[in-house]
Each structure stands twice: as C-alpha cells, then as structure tokens.
PDB file of N, CA and C in Angstrom:
ATOM      1  N   MET A   1       0.924  -1.141  -0.025  1.00  0.00           N
ATOM      2  CA  MET A   1      -0.011   0.049   0.010  1.00  0.00           C
ATOM      3  C   MET A   1       0.896   1.262  -0.027  1.00  0.00           C
ATOM      4  N   PRO A   2       0.654   2.173  -0.863  1.00  0.00           N
ATOM      5  CA  PRO A   2       1.500   3.377  -1.012  1.00  0.00           C
ATOM      6  C   PRO A   2       1.228   4.427   0.080  1.00  0.00           C
ATOM      7  N   VAL A   3       1.661   4.193   1.293  1.00  0.00           N
ATOM      8  CA  VAL A   3       1.212   5.023   2.441  1.00  0.00           C
ATOM      9  C   VAL A   3       1.680   6.435   2.273  1.00  0.00           C
ATOM     10  N   VAL A   4       2.992   6.618   1.913  1.00  0.00           N
ATOM     11  CA  VAL A   4       3.506   8.018   1.733  1.00  0.00           C
ATOM     12  C   VAL A   4       2.828   8.745   0.544  1.00  0.00           C
ATOM     13  N   THR A   5       2.608   8.070  -0.549  1.00  0.00           N
ATOM     14  CA  THR A   5       1.883   8.682  -1.601  1.00  0.00           C
ATOM     15  C   THR A   5       0.463   9.164  -1.152  1.00  0.00           C
ATOM     16  N   ARG A   6      -0.213   8.292  -0.485  1.00  0.00           N
ATOM     17  CA  ARG A   6      -1.529   8.787  -0.024  1.00  0.00           C
ATOM     18  C   ARG A   6      -1.459   9.879   0.958  1.00  0.00           C
ATOM     19  N   ALA A   7      -0.410   9.937   1.780  1.00  0.00           N
ATOM     20  CA  ALA A   7      -0.268  10.998   2.762  1.00  0.00           C
ATOM     21  C   ALA A   7       0.069  12.284   2.025  1.00  0.00           C
ATOM     22  N   LEU A   8       0.857  12.265   0.960  1.00  0.00           N
ATOM     23  CA  LEU A   8       1.231  13.514   0.153  1.00  0.00           C
ATOM     24  C   LEU A   8      -0.039  14.035  -0.532  1.00  0.00           C
ATOM     25  N   ILE A   9      -0.884  13.032  -1.035  1.00  0.00           N
ATOM     26  CA  ILE A   9      -2.047  13.509  -1.708  1.00  0.00           C
ATOM     27  C   ILE A   9      -2.965  14.176  -0.679  1.00  0.00           C
ATOM     28  N   LEU A  10      -3.199  13.510   0.468  1.00  0.00           N
ATOM     29  CA  LEU A  10      -4.050  13.992   1.547  1.00  0.00           C
ATOM     30  C   LEU A  10      -3.566  15.446   1.967  1.00  0.00           C
ATOM     31  N   ILE A  11      -2.368  15.623   2.231  1.00  0.00           N
ATOM     32  CA  ILE A  11      -1.738  16.930   2.638  1.00  0.00           C
ATOM     33  C   ILE A  11      -2.067  18.052   1.504  1.00  0.00           C
ATOM     34  N   ASN A  12      -1.829  17.641   0.182  1.00  0.00           N
ATOM     35  CA  ASN A  12      -2.177  18.563  -0.844  1.00  0.00           C
ATOM     36  C   ASN A  12      -3.568  18.986  -0.878  1.00  0.00           C
ATOM     37  N   VAL A  13      -4.522  17.965  -0.669  1.00  0.00           N
ATOM     38  CA  VAL A  13      -5.957  18.254  -0.717  1.00  0.00           C
ATOM     39  C   VAL A  13      -6.311  19.074   0.382  1.00  0.00           C
ATOM     40  N   VAL A  14      -5.816  18.757   1.544  1.00  0.00           N
ATOM     41  CA  VAL A  14      -6.133  19.642   2.719  1.00  0.00           C
ATOM     42  C   VAL A  14      -5.689  21.054   2.546  1.00  0.00           C
ATOM     43  N   VAL A  15      -4.516  21.190   2.124  1.00  0.00           N
ATOM     44  CA  VAL A  15      -4.044  22.590   1.772  1.00  0.00           C
ATOM     45  C   VAL A  15      -4.799  23.320   0.722  1.00  0.00           C
ATOM     46  N   PHE A  16      -5.281  22.558  -0.281  1.00  0.00           N
ATOM     47  CA  PHE A  16      -6.077  23.128  -1.326  1.00  0.00           C
ATOM     48  C   PHE A  16      -7.441  23.556  -0.820  1.00  0.00           C
ATOM     49  N   PHE A  17      -8.089  22.728  -0.005  1.00  0.00           N
ATOM     50  CA  PHE A  17      -9.340  23.179   0.649  1.00  0.00           C
ATOM     51  C   PHE A  17      -9.229  24.313   1.571  1.00  0.00           C
ATOM     52  N   PHE A  18      -8.092  24.373   2.178  1.00  0.00           N
ATOM     53  CA  PHE A  18      -7.788  25.632   3.101  1.00  0.00           C
ATOM     54  C   PHE A  18      -7.715  26.854   2.158  1.00  0.00           C
ATOM     55  N   GLU A  19      -7.007  26.722   1.033  1.00  0.00           N
ATOM     56  CA  GLU A  19      -6.980  27.784   0.115  1.00  0.00           C
ATOM     57  C   GLU A  19      -8.359  28.275  -0.335  1.00  0.00           C
ATOM     58  N   LEU A  20      -9.199  27.364  -0.617  1.00  0.00           N
ATOM     59  CA  LEU A  20     -10.564  27.698  -0.969  1.00  0.00           C
ATOM     60  C   LEU A  20     -11.360  28.352  -0.020  1.00  0.00           C
ATOM     61  N   SER A  21     -11.023  28.221   1.327  1.00  0.00           N
ATOM     62  CA  SER A  21     -11.747  28.890   2.364  1.00  0.00           C
ATOM     63  C   SER A  21     -11.283  30.303   2.560  1.00  0.00           C
ATOM     64  N   LEU A  22     -10.174  30.793   1.896  1.00  0.00           N
ATOM     65  CA  LEU A  22      -9.643  32.098   2.083  1.00  0.00           C
ATOM     66  C   LEU A  22     -10.377  33.162   1.221  1.00  0.00           C
ATOM     67  N   SER A  23     -10.298  34.395   1.661  1.00  0.00           N
ATOM     68  CA  SER A  23     -10.752  35.487   0.796  1.00  0.00           C
ATOM     69  C   SER A  23      -9.645  35.716  -0.258  1.00  0.00           C
ATOM     70  N   ARG A  24      -9.993  36.444  -1.298  1.00  0.00           N
ATOM     71  CA  ARG A  24      -9.095  36.760  -2.392  1.00  0.00           C
ATOM     72  C   ARG A  24      -7.856  37.382  -1.857  1.00  0.00           C
ATOM     73  N   GLU A  25      -7.930  38.425  -0.995  1.00  0.00           N
ATOM     74  CA  GLU A  25      -6.742  39.105  -0.409  1.00  0.00           C
ATOM     75  C   GLU A  25      -5.850  38.066   0.321  1.00  0.00           C
ATOM     76  N   SER A  26      -6.485  37.192   1.084  1.00  0.00           N
ATOM     77  CA  SER A  26      -5.776  36.162   1.938  1.00  0.00           C
ATOM     78  C   SER A  26      -5.026  35.180   1.057  1.00  0.00           C
ATOM     79  N   ILE A  27      -5.677  34.797  -0.009  1.00  0.00           N
ATOM     80  CA  ILE A  27      -5.084  33.780  -0.913  1.00  0.00           C
ATOM     81  C   ILE A  27      -3.880  34.397  -1.571  1.00  0.00           C
ATOM     82  N   ILE A  28      -3.944  35.671  -1.979  1.00  0.00           N
ATOM     83  CA  ILE A  28      -2.792  36.344  -2.513  1.00  0.00           C
ATOM     84  C   ILE A  28      -1.698  36.438  -1.604  1.00  0.00           C
ATOM     85  N   GLN A  29      -1.958  36.736  -0.295  1.00  0.00           N
ATOM     86  CA  GLN A  29      -0.875  36.772   0.672  1.00  0.00           C
ATOM     87  C   GLN A  29      -0.230  35.403   0.883  1.00  0.00           C
ATOM     88  N   LEU A  30      -1.130  34.425   0.854  1.00  0.00           N
ATOM     89  CA  LEU A  30      -0.633  32.997   1.126  1.00  0.00           C
ATOM     90  C   LEU A  30       0.286  32.634   0.012  1.00  0.00           C
ATOM     91  N   PHE A  31      -0.116  32.950  -1.311  1.00  0.00           N
ATOM     92  CA  PHE A  31       0.767  32.565  -2.418  1.00  0.00           C
ATOM     93  C   PHE A  31       2.028  33.429  -2.425  1.00  0.00           C
ATOM     94  N   TYR A  32       2.023  34.599  -2.017  1.00  0.00           N
ATOM     95  CA  TYR A  32       3.297  35.449  -1.922  1.00  0.00           C
ATOM     96  C   TYR A  32       4.205  34.911  -0.840  1.00  0.00           C
ATOM     97  N   LEU A  33       3.587  34.542   0.349  1.00  0.00           N
ATOM     98  CA  LEU A  33       4.402  34.162   1.409  1.00  0.00           C
ATOM     99  C   LEU A  33       4.875  32.647   1.301  1.00  0.00           C
ATOM    100  N   PHE A  34       4.083  31.801   0.699  1.00  0.00           N
ATOM    101  CA  PHE A  34       4.482  30.305   0.667  1.00  0.00           C
ATOM    102  C   PHE A  34       4.828  29.911  -0.696  1.00  0.00           C
ATOM    103  N   GLY A  35       4.577  30.729  -1.752  1.00  0.00           N
ATOM    104  CA  GLY A  35       4.920  30.369  -3.106  1.00  0.00           C
ATOM    105  C   GLY A  35       6.322  30.971  -3.431  1.00  0.00           C
ATOM    106  N   VAL A  36       6.854  30.656  -4.633  1.00  0.00           N
ATOM    107  CA  VAL A  36       8.157  31.078  -5.040  1.00  0.00           C
ATOM    108  C   VAL A  36       8.038  32.497  -5.743  1.00  0.00           C
ATOM    109  N   VAL A  37       8.572  33.444  -5.147  1.00  0.00           N
ATOM    110  CA  VAL A  37       8.666  34.815  -5.789  1.00  0.00           C
ATOM    111  C   VAL A  37      10.173  35.034  -5.971  1.00  0.00           C
ATOM    112  N   PRO A  38      10.598  34.898  -7.231  1.00  0.00           N
ATOM    113  CA  PRO A  38      12.059  34.951  -7.514  1.00  0.00           C
ATOM    114  C   PRO A  38      12.803  36.202  -6.931  1.00  0.00           C
ATOM    115  N   ALA A  39      11.996  37.343  -6.977  1.00  0.00           N
ATOM    116  CA  ALA A  39      12.694  38.677  -6.547  1.00  0.00           C
ATOM    117  C   ALA A  39      12.945  38.584  -5.102  1.00  0.00           C
ATOM    118  N   ARG A  40      12.235  37.741  -4.364  1.00  0.00           N
ATOM    119  CA  ARG A  40      12.512  37.601  -3.013  1.00  0.00           C
ATOM    120  C   ARG A  40      13.965  37.136  -2.694  1.00  0.00           C
ATOM    121  N   PHE A  41      14.537  36.387  -3.654  1.00  0.00           N
ATOM    122  CA  PHE A  41      15.844  35.946  -3.449  1.00  0.00           C
ATOM    123  C   PHE A  41      16.942  36.662  -4.260  1.00  0.00           C
ATOM    124  N   THR A  42      16.506  37.322  -5.258  1.00  0.00           N
ATOM    125  CA  THR A  42      17.478  38.024  -6.041  1.00  0.00           C
ATOM    126  C   THR A  42      17.599  39.515  -5.705  1.00  0.00           C
ATOM    127  N   ASP A  43      16.575  40.170  -4.986  1.00  0.00           N
ATOM    128  CA  ASP A  43      16.638  41.500  -4.542  1.00  0.00           C
ATOM    129  C   ASP A  43      16.244  41.589  -3.111  1.00  0.00           C
ATOM    130  N   PRO A  44      17.104  41.272  -2.174  1.00  0.00           N
ATOM    131  CA  PRO A  44      16.822  41.364  -0.735  1.00  0.00           C
ATOM    132  C   PRO A  44      16.241  42.653  -0.230  1.00  0.00           C
ATOM    133  N   GLU A  45      16.726  43.652  -0.760  1.00  0.00           N
ATOM    134  CA  GLU A  45      16.172  45.008  -0.374  1.00  0.00           C
ATOM    135  C   GLU A  45      14.752  45.156  -0.646  1.00  0.00           C
ATOM    136  N   TRP A  46      14.290  44.797  -1.858  1.00  0.00           N
ATOM    137  CA  TRP A  46      12.955  44.848  -2.243  1.00  0.00           C
ATOM    138  C   TRP A  46      12.228  43.915  -1.310  1.00  0.00           C
ATOM    139  N   ALA A  47      12.622  42.656  -1.149  1.00  0.00           N
ATOM    140  CA  ALA A  47      11.945  41.700  -0.352  1.00  0.00           C
ATOM    141  C   ALA A  47      11.753  42.152   1.093  1.00  0.00           C
ATOM    142  N   ALA A  48      12.740  42.794   1.606  1.00  0.00           N
ATOM    143  CA  ALA A  48      12.566  43.348   3.108  1.00  0.00           C
ATOM    144  C   ALA A  48      11.613  44.589   3.079  1.00  0.00           C
ATOM    145  N   SER A  49      11.592  45.391   1.977  1.00  0.00           N
ATOM    146  CA  SER A  49      10.589  46.494   2.064  1.00  0.00           C
ATOM    147  C   SER A  49       9.142  45.994   1.824  1.00  0.00           C
ATOM    148  N   ILE A  50       8.996  44.882   1.237  1.00  0.00           N
ATOM    149  CA  ILE A  50       7.636  44.285   1.041  1.00  0.00           C
ATOM    150  C   ILE A  50       7.207  43.556   2.270  1.00  0.00           C
ATOM    151  N   GLY A  51       8.173  43.109   3.110  1.00  0.00           N
ATOM    152  CA  GLY A  51       7.874  42.365   4.333  1.00  0.00           C
ATOM    153  C   GLY A  51       8.135  40.855   4.293  1.00  0.00           C
ATOM    154  N   PHE A  52       8.922  40.385   3.323  1.00  0.00           N
ATOM    155  CA  PHE A  52       9.207  38.981   3.225  1.00  0.00           C
ATOM    156  C   PHE A  52      10.201  38.697   4.356  1.00  0.00           C
ATOM    157  N   PRO A  53      10.062  37.512   4.926  1.00  0.00           N
ATOM    158  CA  PRO A  53      10.985  37.176   5.907  1.00  0.00           C
ATOM    159  C   PRO A  53      12.464  37.080   5.284  1.00  0.00           C
ATOM    160  N   ILE A  54      13.432  37.726   5.928  1.00  0.00           N
ATOM    161  CA  ILE A  54      14.721  37.704   5.449  1.00  0.00           C
ATOM    162  C   ILE A  54      15.463  36.389   5.663  1.00  0.00           C
ATOM    163  N   GLY A  55      16.129  35.889   4.681  1.00  0.00           N
ATOM    164  CA  GLY A  55      16.908  34.595   4.890  1.00  0.00           C
ATOM    165  C   GLY A  55      16.017  33.303   4.902  1.00  0.00           C
ATOM    166  N   SER A  56      14.741  33.487   4.660  1.00  0.00           N
ATOM    167  CA  SER A  56      13.890  32.231   4.665  1.00  0.00           C
ATOM    168  C   SER A  56      13.822  31.621   3.385  1.00  0.00           C
ATOM    169  N   TYR A  57      14.050  30.311   3.316  1.00  0.00           N
ATOM    170  CA  TYR A  57      13.935  29.634   2.027  1.00  0.00           C
ATOM    171  C   TYR A  57      12.828  28.613   2.058  1.00  0.00           C
ATOM    172  N   TRP A  58      12.043  28.740   3.077  1.00  0.00           N
ATOM    173  CA  TRP A  58      10.970  27.605   3.261  1.00  0.00           C
ATOM    174  C   TRP A  58       9.995  27.495   2.062  1.00  0.00           C
ATOM    175  N   SER A  59       9.834  28.733   1.381  1.00  0.00           N
ATOM    176  CA  SER A  59       8.932  28.785   0.266  1.00  0.00           C
ATOM    177  C   SER A  59       9.438  27.885  -0.925  1.00  0.00           C
ATOM    178  N   LEU A  60      10.718  27.527  -0.935  1.00  0.00           N
ATOM    179  CA  LEU A  60      11.169  26.581  -1.911  1.00  0.00           C
ATOM    180  C   LEU A  60      10.661  25.093  -1.714  1.00  0.00           C
ATOM    181  N   LEU A  61      10.121  24.862  -0.513  1.00  0.00           N
ATOM    182  CA  LEU A  61       9.371  23.602  -0.266  1.00  0.00           C
ATOM    183  C   LEU A  61       7.922  23.716  -0.213  1.00  0.00           C
ATOM    184  N   THR A  62       7.545  24.883   0.441  1.00  0.00           N
ATOM    185  CA  THR A  62       6.035  25.019   0.689  1.00  0.00           C
ATOM    186  C   THR A  62       5.244  25.259  -0.660  1.00  0.00           C
ATOM    187  N   HIS A  63       5.911  25.861  -1.717  1.00  0.00           N
ATOM    188  CA  HIS A  63       5.194  26.112  -2.926  1.00  0.00           C
ATOM    189  C   HIS A  63       4.620  24.882  -3.520  1.00  0.00           C
ATOM    190  N   GLN A  64       5.222  23.678  -3.275  1.00  0.00           N
ATOM    191  CA  GLN A  64       4.820  22.423  -3.823  1.00  0.00           C
ATOM    192  C   GLN A  64       3.506  21.958  -3.412  1.00  0.00           C
ATOM    193  N   PHE A  65       2.872  22.602  -2.324  1.00  0.00           N
ATOM    194  CA  PHE A  65       1.665  22.230  -1.800  1.00  0.00           C
ATOM    195  C   PHE A  65       0.563  23.282  -2.198  1.00  0.00           C
ATOM    196  N   LEU A  66       0.939  24.208  -2.972  1.00  0.00           N
ATOM    197  CA  LEU A  66      -0.043  25.245  -3.351  1.00  0.00           C
ATOM    198  C   LEU A  66      -0.588  24.930  -4.848  1.00  0.00           C
ATOM    199  N   HIS A  67      -1.771  25.084  -5.036  1.00  0.00           N
ATOM    200  CA  HIS A  67      -2.408  24.755  -6.278  1.00  0.00           C
ATOM    201  C   HIS A  67      -3.405  25.878  -6.798  1.00  0.00           C
ATOM    202  N   GLY A  68      -3.328  26.205  -8.062  1.00  0.00           N
ATOM    203  CA  GLY A  68      -4.046  27.364  -8.644  1.00  0.00           C
ATOM    204  C   GLY A  68      -5.433  27.190  -9.004  1.00  0.00           C
ATOM    205  N   GLY A  69      -6.001  25.974  -8.875  1.00  0.00           N
ATOM    206  CA  GLY A  69      -7.391  25.762  -9.231  1.00  0.00           C
ATOM    207  C   GLY A  69      -7.657  24.217  -9.215  1.00  0.00           C
ATOM    208  N   TRP A  70      -8.904  23.898  -9.614  1.00  0.00           N
ATOM    209  CA  TRP A  70      -9.316  22.458  -9.575  1.00  0.00           C
ATOM    210  C   TRP A  70      -8.490  21.628 -10.568  1.00  0.00           C
ATOM    211  N   LEU A  71      -8.464  22.153 -11.781  1.00  0.00           N
ATOM    212  CA  LEU A  71      -7.704  21.382 -12.801  1.00  0.00           C
ATOM    213  C   LEU A  71      -6.195  21.170 -12.381  1.00  0.00           C
ATOM    214  N   HIS A  72      -5.609  22.117 -11.810  1.00  0.00           N
ATOM    215  CA  HIS A  72      -4.175  21.998 -11.267  1.00  0.00           C
ATOM    216  C   HIS A  72      -4.114  20.932 -10.174  1.00  0.00           C
ATOM    217  N   ILE A  73      -4.946  20.904  -9.219  1.00  0.00           N
ATOM    218  CA  ILE A  73      -4.959  19.917  -8.090  1.00  0.00           C
ATOM    219  C   ILE A  73      -5.256  18.595  -8.637  1.00  0.00           C
ATOM    220  N   VAL A  74      -6.313  18.482  -9.447  1.00  0.00           N
ATOM    221  CA  VAL A  74      -6.762  17.126  -9.867  1.00  0.00           C
ATOM    222  C   VAL A  74      -5.612  16.543 -10.823  1.00  0.00           C
ATOM    223  N   ALA A  75      -5.113  17.275 -11.747  1.00  0.00           N
ATOM    224  CA  ALA A  75      -4.095  16.744 -12.578  1.00  0.00           C
ATOM    225  C   ALA A  75      -2.830  16.347 -11.774  1.00  0.00           C
ATOM    226  N   ASN A  76      -2.410  17.223 -10.793  1.00  0.00           N
ATOM    227  CA  ASN A  76      -1.199  16.860 -10.127  1.00  0.00           C
ATOM    228  C   ASN A  76      -1.368  15.649  -9.171  1.00  0.00           C
ATOM    229  N   MET A  77      -2.610  15.596  -8.525  1.00  0.00           N
ATOM    230  CA  MET A  77      -2.808  14.391  -7.600  1.00  0.00           C
ATOM    231  C   MET A  77      -3.093  13.117  -8.380  1.00  0.00           C
ATOM    232  N   TRP A  78      -3.606  13.244  -9.528  1.00  0.00           N
ATOM    233  CA  TRP A  78      -3.896  12.067 -10.357  1.00  0.00           C
ATOM    234  C   TRP A  78      -2.526  11.482 -10.783  1.00  0.00           C
ATOM    235  N   THR A  79      -1.673  12.424 -11.283  1.00  0.00           N
ATOM    236  CA  THR A  79      -0.295  12.032 -11.658  1.00  0.00           C
ATOM    237  C   THR A  79       0.430  11.366 -10.486  1.00  0.00           C
ATOM    238  N   LEU A  80       0.346  12.036  -9.348  1.00  0.00           N
ATOM    239  CA  LEU A  80       1.126  11.497  -8.211  1.00  0.00           C
ATOM    240  C   LEU A  80       0.471  10.042  -7.777  1.00  0.00           C
ATOM    241  N   TRP A  81      -0.830   9.923  -7.868  1.00  0.00           N
ATOM    242  CA  TRP A  81      -1.494   8.695  -7.638  1.00  0.00           C
ATOM    243  C   TRP A  81      -0.908   7.582  -8.589  1.00  0.00           C
ATOM    244  N   ILE A  82      -0.941   7.889  -9.859  1.00  0.00           N
ATOM    245  CA  ILE A  82      -0.482   6.933 -10.822  1.00  0.00           C
ATOM    246  C   ILE A  82       0.976   6.582 -10.682  1.00  0.00           C
ATOM    247  N   PHE A  83       1.915   7.487 -10.524  1.00  0.00           N
ATOM    248  CA  PHE A  83       3.280   7.253 -10.487  1.00  0.00           C
ATOM    249  C   PHE A  83       3.837   7.078  -9.152  1.00  0.00           C
ATOM    250  N   GLY A  84       3.280   7.750  -8.121  1.00  0.00           N
ATOM    251  CA  GLY A  84       3.766   7.724  -6.767  1.00  0.00           C
ATOM    252  C   GLY A  84       3.934   6.340  -6.173  1.00  0.00           C
ATOM    253  N   ASP A  85       2.939   5.360  -6.482  1.00  0.00           N
ATOM    254  CA  ASP A  85       3.042   3.998  -5.859  1.00  0.00           C
ATOM    255  C   ASP A  85       4.216   3.259  -6.530  1.00  0.00           C
ATOM    256  N   ASN A  86       4.376   3.488  -7.835  1.00  0.00           N
ATOM    257  CA  ASN A  86       5.525   2.885  -8.583  1.00  0.00           C
ATOM    258  C   ASN A  86       6.803   3.324  -7.994  1.00  0.00           C
ATOM    259  N   VAL A  87       6.934   4.653  -7.703  1.00  0.00           N
ATOM    260  CA  VAL A  87       8.152   5.209  -7.192  1.00  0.00           C
ATOM    261  C   VAL A  87       8.348   4.664  -5.772  1.00  0.00           C
ATOM    262  N   GLU A  88       7.296   4.608  -5.043  1.00  0.00           N
ATOM    263  CA  GLU A  88       7.369   4.113  -3.681  1.00  0.00           C
ATOM    264  C   GLU A  88       7.813   2.580  -3.603  1.00  0.00           C
ATOM    265  N   ASP A  89       7.281   1.874  -4.644  1.00  0.00           N
ATOM    266  CA  ASP A  89       7.670   0.431  -4.681  1.00  0.00           C
ATOM    267  C   ASP A  89       9.085   0.246  -5.073  1.00  0.00           C
ATOM    268  N   ARG A  90       9.675   0.999  -5.969  1.00  0.00           N
ATOM    269  CA  ARG A  90      11.039   0.802  -6.383  1.00  0.00           C
ATOM    270  C   ARG A  90      12.159   1.651  -5.651  1.00  0.00           C
ATOM    271  N   MET A  91      11.738   2.807  -5.253  1.00  0.00           N
ATOM    272  CA  MET A  91      12.794   3.747  -4.642  1.00  0.00           C
ATOM    273  C   MET A  91      12.500   3.961  -3.155  1.00  0.00           C
ATOM    274  N   GLY A  92      11.386   3.448  -2.634  1.00  0.00           N
ATOM    275  CA  GLY A  92      11.016   3.813  -1.231  1.00  0.00           C
ATOM    276  C   GLY A  92      10.068   4.904  -1.273  1.00  0.00           C
ATOM    277  N   PRO A  93       9.704   5.503  -0.104  1.00  0.00           N
ATOM    278  CA  PRO A  93       8.756   6.551  -0.039  1.00  0.00           C
ATOM    279  C   PRO A  93       9.120   7.719  -0.932  1.00  0.00           C
ATOM    280  N   PRO A  94       8.098   8.218  -1.727  1.00  0.00           N
ATOM    281  CA  PRO A  94       8.407   9.307  -2.706  1.00  0.00           C
ATOM    282  C   PRO A  94       8.520  10.716  -2.017  1.00  0.00           C
ATOM    283  N   ALA A  95       8.409  10.852  -0.761  1.00  0.00           N
ATOM    284  CA  ALA A  95       8.424  12.184  -0.213  1.00  0.00           C
ATOM    285  C   ALA A  95       9.692  12.892  -0.540  1.00  0.00           C
ATOM    286  N   VAL A  96      10.769  12.202  -0.488  1.00  0.00           N
ATOM    287  CA  VAL A  96      12.123  12.843  -0.684  1.00  0.00           C
ATOM    288  C   VAL A  96      12.213  13.249  -2.178  1.00  0.00           C
ATOM    289  N   TYR A  97      11.750  12.240  -3.026  1.00  0.00           N
ATOM    290  CA  TYR A  97      11.785  12.485  -4.421  1.00  0.00           C
ATOM    291  C   TYR A  97      10.827  13.632  -4.800  1.00  0.00           C
ATOM    292  N   HIS A  98       9.669  13.651  -4.211  1.00  0.00           N
ATOM    293  CA  HIS A  98       8.649  14.737  -4.487  1.00  0.00           C
ATOM    294  C   HIS A  98       9.252  16.141  -4.122  1.00  0.00           C
ATOM    295  N   LEU A  99       9.900  16.212  -3.020  1.00  0.00           N
ATOM    296  CA  LEU A  99      10.371  17.568  -2.613  1.00  0.00           C
ATOM    297  C   LEU A  99      11.636  17.856  -3.419  1.00  0.00           C
ATOM    298  N   LEU A 100      12.392  16.920  -3.772  1.00  0.00           N
ATOM    299  CA  LEU A 100      13.596  17.273  -4.631  1.00  0.00           C
ATOM    300  C   LEU A 100      13.163  17.593  -6.027  1.00  0.00           C
ATOM    301  N   SER A 101      12.077  16.966  -6.562  1.00  0.00           N
ATOM    302  CA  SER A 101      11.539  17.358  -7.857  1.00  0.00           C
ATOM    303  C   SER A 101      11.064  18.765  -7.894  1.00  0.00           C
ATOM    304  N   GLY A 102      10.345  19.062  -6.755  1.00  0.00           N
ATOM    305  CA  GLY A 102       9.779  20.494  -6.644  1.00  0.00           C
ATOM    306  C   GLY A 102      10.927  21.541  -6.628  1.00  0.00           C
ATOM    307  N   LEU A 103      11.995  21.204  -5.872  1.00  0.00           N
ATOM    308  CA  LEU A 103      13.194  22.163  -5.879  1.00  0.00           C
ATOM    309  C   LEU A 103      13.758  22.283  -7.298  1.00  0.00           C
ATOM    310  N   ARG A 104      13.838  21.118  -7.991  1.00  0.00           N
ATOM    311  CA  ARG A 104      14.417  21.131  -9.372  1.00  0.00           C
ATOM    312  C   ARG A 104      13.507  21.957 -10.354  1.00  0.00           C
ATOM    313  N   GLY A 105      12.123  21.889 -10.121  1.00  0.00           N
ATOM    314  CA  GLY A 105      11.180  22.634 -10.872  1.00  0.00           C
ATOM    315  C   GLY A 105      11.438  24.063 -10.725  1.00  0.00           C
ATOM    316  N   VAL A 106      11.711  24.548  -9.430  1.00  0.00           N
ATOM    317  CA  VAL A 106      12.004  25.983  -9.187  1.00  0.00           C
ATOM    318  C   VAL A 106      13.271  26.415  -9.960  1.00  0.00           C
ATOM    319  N   SER A 107      14.281  25.587  -9.881  1.00  0.00           N
ATOM    320  CA  SER A 107      15.539  25.979 -10.588  1.00  0.00           C
ATOM    321  C   SER A 107      15.500  26.034 -12.076  1.00  0.00           C
ATOM    322  N   SER A 108      14.603  25.171 -12.596  1.00  0.00           N
ATOM    323  CA  SER A 108      14.482  25.151 -14.060  1.00  0.00           C
ATOM    324  C   SER A 108      13.565  26.244 -14.595  1.00  0.00           C
ATOM    325  N   SER A 109      12.811  26.844 -13.724  1.00  0.00           N
ATOM    326  CA  SER A 109      11.836  27.903 -14.223  1.00  0.00           C
ATOM    327  C   SER A 109      12.489  29.227 -14.169  1.00  0.00           C
ATOM    328  N   ASN A 110      13.636  29.376 -13.512  1.00  0.00           N
ATOM    329  CA  ASN A 110      14.274  30.649 -13.442  1.00  0.00           C
ATOM    330  C   ASN A 110      15.266  30.915 -14.463  1.00  0.00           C
TER     331      ASN A 110
END
C-alpha cells in the first residue's frame, strides 16, 4: 500500500481546501508568502521592503503544496497517484523524491 503517496495526496488536498476557504486578499498573501517569488531571493532589499522574511527559504518547499485551481490539483494528484506508488515500490517513499523534484522545478523555471 503506497502510504506516503496517500499522505502526500491528503496533505495537498487539505491545503487546497484551506486555500478555497480564504478570501481573495488572503489567498494572494498565502501565495506570496508560501509560493516562490524569485525577486525575494534576487533582490533582498525589495523583499525586506515588502515584508518577506529575510533569509527564509521555506517557500522553496512550501510552494509544492499550493495549487491554482481544480484542474491543477486534480491533474497533479492524479499523476502522483499513478506514478507515486511505482516510485514508492522501487525507490522507497516518494516524499524525498517529491520534494527534490519540486526544488528542481524551481531552478528550471528561473
């Protein structure tokens, strides 16, 4: 049974439903704080003036649990469900792979 895959899916779904409960202003704040805003890392003075935590790199991990809509969450969780159990069977729990893939995604988008 792919326990870690199911846990990752559950965490993502819980975070998504939390997003749905927020007002538009709160969701924007959530995405700025926990999503990846490249200027936060390339222009520390600007980041400080906006109020981003200085020296915090948590968003490089937390952005992986944010989703922009129903299609986004369904497609991502369906893909995780299809491939996660295979990864878990062959490589062990996919949590580390999932997090490293998310970090790789950030570096390739910049």
